[in-house]
């Protein structure tokens, strides 16, 4: 049965920039190990995109483990919106 409240000693998820960066580096290392990323320029582009996502998410206190499709839709819509 799923509790409706958190356990007294359970820590709440934290929107941690280091958690996002660690996730990227783990992904990058695995992609390089598999040979699917070979160019440093590709890594630089992916890292830049991930940093933007990480900043957006941590600015909204969104922990990495709660990131869902609706968040990608929101950040994509924001990026596509005209600036004034």
N, C-alpha and C. Protein backbone atom coordinates (compact mmCIF):
# COMPACT_ATOMS: atom_id res chain seq x y z
N UNK A 1 0.84 -1.18 0.00
CA UNK A 1 0.00 0.00 0.00
C UNK A 1 0.89 1.24 0.00
N UNK A 2 0.59 2.20 -0.83
CA UNK A 2 1.36 3.42 -0.97
C UNK A 2 0.92 4.44 0.07
N UNK A 3 1.87 4.93 0.86
CA UNK A 3 1.55 5.93 1.88
C UNK A 3 1.24 7.27 1.23
N UNK A 4 0.32 8.00 1.81
CA UNK A 4 -0.05 9.32 1.29
C UNK A 4 0.90 10.41 1.77
N UNK A 5 1.62 10.13 2.84
CA UNK A 5 2.59 11.09 3.35
C UNK A 5 3.97 10.45 3.37
N UNK A 6 4.98 11.29 3.36
CA UNK A 6 6.34 10.79 3.40
C UNK A 6 6.67 10.24 4.79
N UNK A 7 7.54 9.26 4.82
CA UNK A 7 8.08 8.76 6.06
C UNK A 7 8.83 9.90 6.75
N UNK A 8 8.81 9.93 8.05
CA UNK A 8 9.46 10.99 8.81
C UNK A 8 10.93 11.13 8.44
N UNK A 9 11.60 10.03 8.15
CA UNK A 9 13.03 10.07 7.88
C UNK A 9 13.38 9.98 6.40
N UNK A 10 12.38 9.96 5.55
CA UNK A 10 12.62 9.92 4.11
C UNK A 10 12.91 11.33 3.62
N UNK A 11 14.01 11.46 2.90
CA UNK A 11 14.36 12.78 2.38
C UNK A 11 13.54 13.07 1.13
N UNK A 12 13.09 14.31 1.02
CA UNK A 12 12.36 14.74 -0.17
C UNK A 12 13.32 14.84 -1.34
N UNK A 13 12.85 14.56 -2.56
CA UNK A 13 13.71 14.71 -3.72
C UNK A 13 14.19 16.15 -3.84
N UNK A 14 15.43 16.31 -4.26
CA UNK A 14 16.02 17.64 -4.38
C UNK A 14 16.38 17.88 -5.83
N UNK A 15 16.10 19.08 -6.30
CA UNK A 15 16.48 19.49 -7.65
C UNK A 15 17.95 19.91 -7.58
N UNK A 16 18.83 18.98 -7.80
CA UNK A 16 20.25 19.19 -7.61
C UNK A 16 20.98 19.31 -8.95
N UNK A 17 21.64 20.44 -9.16
CA UNK A 17 22.43 20.61 -10.37
C UNK A 17 23.51 19.53 -10.48
N UNK A 18 24.22 19.20 -9.39
CA UNK A 18 25.20 18.11 -9.50
C UNK A 18 24.58 16.78 -9.94
N UNK A 19 23.36 16.49 -9.52
CA UNK A 19 22.71 15.25 -9.94
C UNK A 19 22.49 15.24 -11.45
N UNK A 20 22.08 16.38 -12.00
CA UNK A 20 21.90 16.48 -13.45
C UNK A 20 23.23 16.32 -14.18
N UNK A 21 24.27 16.95 -13.65
CA UNK A 21 25.58 16.88 -14.31
C UNK A 21 26.16 15.47 -14.23
N UNK A 22 25.99 14.81 -13.10
CA UNK A 22 26.45 13.43 -12.97
C UNK A 22 25.71 12.51 -13.94
N UNK A 23 24.41 12.75 -14.10
CA UNK A 23 23.63 11.94 -15.04
C UNK A 23 24.15 12.12 -16.46
N UNK A 24 24.46 13.36 -16.83
CA UNK A 24 25.00 13.60 -18.17
C UNK A 24 26.33 12.89 -18.36
N UNK A 25 27.22 13.02 -17.39
CA UNK A 25 28.54 12.41 -17.53
C UNK A 25 28.45 10.89 -17.59
N UNK A 26 27.52 10.29 -16.86
CA UNK A 26 27.32 8.84 -16.94
C UNK A 26 26.81 8.45 -18.33
N UNK A 27 25.87 9.23 -18.85
CA UNK A 27 25.34 8.97 -20.20
C UNK A 27 26.45 9.12 -21.24
N UNK A 28 27.22 10.21 -21.12
CA UNK A 28 28.31 10.46 -22.08
C UNK A 28 29.33 9.33 -22.06
N UNK A 29 29.73 8.89 -20.89
CA UNK A 29 30.71 7.82 -20.77
C UNK A 29 30.20 6.54 -21.42
N UNK A 30 28.94 6.23 -21.22
CA UNK A 30 28.36 5.02 -21.82
C UNK A 30 28.29 5.15 -23.34
N UNK A 31 27.89 6.29 -23.84
CA UNK A 31 27.83 6.52 -25.30
C UNK A 31 29.23 6.40 -25.90
N UNK A 32 30.22 6.97 -25.24
CA UNK A 32 31.59 6.86 -25.75
C UNK A 32 32.07 5.42 -25.72
N UNK A 33 31.74 4.70 -24.65
CA UNK A 33 32.13 3.29 -24.53
C UNK A 33 31.53 2.46 -25.66
N UNK A 34 30.29 2.76 -26.01
CA UNK A 34 29.62 2.04 -27.09
C UNK A 34 30.06 2.49 -28.47
N UNK A 35 30.73 3.63 -28.54
CA UNK A 35 31.18 4.14 -29.82
C UNK A 35 30.15 4.97 -30.56
N UNK A 36 29.07 5.34 -29.87
CA UNK A 36 28.04 6.10 -30.57
C UNK A 36 28.31 7.61 -30.55
N UNK A 37 29.25 8.04 -29.76
CA UNK A 37 29.71 9.43 -29.80
C UNK A 37 31.22 9.40 -29.98
N UNK A 38 31.67 10.01 -31.06
CA UNK A 38 33.11 10.01 -31.34
C UNK A 38 33.71 11.40 -31.39
N UNK A 39 32.90 12.38 -31.73
CA UNK A 39 33.40 13.73 -31.95
C UNK A 39 33.27 14.60 -30.70
N UNK A 40 34.35 15.23 -30.30
CA UNK A 40 34.27 16.15 -29.16
C UNK A 40 33.24 17.27 -29.38
N UNK A 41 33.06 17.68 -30.62
CA UNK A 41 32.07 18.72 -30.89
C UNK A 41 30.65 18.25 -30.59
N UNK A 42 30.39 16.96 -30.82
CA UNK A 42 29.07 16.41 -30.49
C UNK A 42 28.85 16.43 -28.99
N UNK A 43 29.87 16.04 -28.25
CA UNK A 43 29.78 16.05 -26.79
C UNK A 43 29.53 17.48 -26.31
N UNK A 44 30.20 18.45 -26.92
CA UNK A 44 30.03 19.85 -26.52
C UNK A 44 28.59 20.32 -26.76
N UNK A 45 28.00 19.94 -27.87
CA UNK A 45 26.62 20.32 -28.17
C UNK A 45 25.67 19.66 -27.18
N UNK A 46 25.83 18.36 -26.96
CA UNK A 46 24.97 17.66 -26.01
C UNK A 46 25.11 18.25 -24.61
N UNK A 47 26.35 18.55 -24.21
CA UNK A 47 26.58 19.11 -22.87
C UNK A 47 25.88 20.46 -22.75
N UNK A 48 25.99 21.30 -23.76
CA UNK A 48 25.34 22.60 -23.74
C UNK A 48 23.83 22.47 -23.61
N UNK A 49 23.26 21.56 -24.37
CA UNK A 49 21.81 21.33 -24.31
C UNK A 49 21.41 20.81 -22.93
N UNK A 50 22.20 19.89 -22.38
CA UNK A 50 21.90 19.32 -21.07
C UNK A 50 22.00 20.38 -19.98
N UNK A 51 23.01 21.26 -20.08
CA UNK A 51 23.15 22.34 -19.10
C UNK A 51 21.91 23.23 -19.13
N UNK A 52 21.41 23.55 -20.31
CA UNK A 52 20.21 24.38 -20.42
C UNK A 52 19.02 23.68 -19.77
N UNK A 53 18.87 22.39 -20.03
CA UNK A 53 17.79 21.62 -19.41
C UNK A 53 17.97 21.59 -17.89
N UNK A 54 19.18 21.32 -17.44
CA UNK A 54 19.45 21.25 -16.00
C UNK A 54 19.15 22.58 -15.31
N UNK A 55 19.53 23.68 -15.93
CA UNK A 55 19.26 25.00 -15.36
C UNK A 55 17.75 25.26 -15.29
N UNK A 56 17.04 24.91 -16.36
CA UNK A 56 15.59 25.09 -16.40
C UNK A 56 14.93 24.27 -15.29
N UNK A 57 15.34 23.02 -15.15
CA UNK A 57 14.72 22.13 -14.16
C UNK A 57 15.06 22.54 -12.73
N UNK A 58 16.31 22.84 -12.46
CA UNK A 58 16.67 23.22 -11.09
C UNK A 58 16.06 24.57 -10.73
N UNK A 59 15.89 25.45 -11.71
CA UNK A 59 15.22 26.71 -11.46
C UNK A 59 13.77 26.53 -11.06
N UNK A 60 13.19 25.41 -11.41
CA UNK A 60 11.80 25.08 -11.06
C UNK A 60 11.73 24.04 -9.96
N UNK A 61 12.86 23.77 -9.33
CA UNK A 61 12.94 22.78 -8.25
C UNK A 61 12.43 21.42 -8.69
N UNK A 62 12.77 21.03 -9.91
CA UNK A 62 12.32 19.76 -10.48
C UNK A 62 13.44 18.73 -10.38
N UNK A 63 13.32 17.76 -9.47
CA UNK A 63 14.34 16.72 -9.35
C UNK A 63 14.43 15.87 -10.61
N UNK A 64 15.61 15.39 -10.89
CA UNK A 64 15.87 14.61 -12.09
C UNK A 64 14.94 13.41 -12.20
N UNK A 65 14.68 12.73 -11.08
CA UNK A 65 13.84 11.53 -11.14
C UNK A 65 12.36 11.83 -11.34
N UNK A 66 11.98 13.12 -11.38
CA UNK A 66 10.59 13.49 -11.64
C UNK A 66 10.41 14.14 -13.01
N UNK A 67 11.47 14.18 -13.79
CA UNK A 67 11.43 14.77 -15.13
C UNK A 67 10.59 13.89 -16.04
N UNK A 68 9.60 14.49 -16.70
CA UNK A 68 8.72 13.72 -17.56
C UNK A 68 8.51 14.38 -18.91
N UNK A 69 7.78 13.73 -19.81
CA UNK A 69 7.54 14.26 -21.16
C UNK A 69 6.94 15.66 -21.15
N UNK A 70 6.07 15.93 -20.20
CA UNK A 70 5.44 17.25 -20.15
C UNK A 70 6.45 18.36 -19.90
N UNK A 71 7.54 18.04 -19.22
CA UNK A 71 8.58 19.04 -18.98
C UNK A 71 9.37 19.32 -20.26
N UNK A 72 9.62 18.28 -21.04
CA UNK A 72 10.31 18.49 -22.32
C UNK A 72 9.43 19.30 -23.27
N UNK A 73 8.13 19.06 -23.22
CA UNK A 73 7.20 19.84 -24.04
C UNK A 73 7.23 21.31 -23.62
N UNK A 74 7.27 21.56 -22.31
CA UNK A 74 7.28 22.94 -21.81
C UNK A 74 8.56 23.66 -22.20
N UNK A 75 9.69 23.02 -22.06
CA UNK A 75 10.95 23.68 -22.40
C UNK A 75 11.06 23.87 -23.92
N UNK A 76 10.54 22.93 -24.69
CA UNK A 76 10.55 23.07 -26.15
C UNK A 76 9.65 24.22 -26.59
N UNK A 77 8.49 24.34 -25.97
CA UNK A 77 7.57 25.44 -26.30
C UNK A 77 8.19 26.78 -25.95
N UNK A 78 8.90 26.82 -24.82
CA UNK A 78 9.55 28.06 -24.41
C UNK A 78 10.64 28.44 -25.40
N UNK A 79 11.41 27.46 -25.85
CA UNK A 79 12.49 27.73 -26.80
C UNK A 79 11.96 28.19 -28.16
N UNK A 80 10.78 27.69 -28.52
CA UNK A 80 10.20 28.02 -29.83
C UNK A 80 9.42 29.33 -29.80
N UNK A 81 9.10 29.83 -28.61
CA UNK A 81 8.30 31.06 -28.51
C UNK A 81 9.11 32.26 -29.00
N UNK A 82 8.44 33.16 -29.72
CA UNK A 82 9.15 34.37 -30.17
C UNK A 82 9.53 35.24 -28.98
N UNK A 83 10.68 35.86 -29.05
CA UNK A 83 11.11 36.77 -27.99
C UNK A 83 10.75 38.19 -28.38
N UNK A 84 10.45 38.98 -27.36
CA UNK A 84 10.08 40.38 -27.64
C UNK A 84 11.01 41.33 -26.96
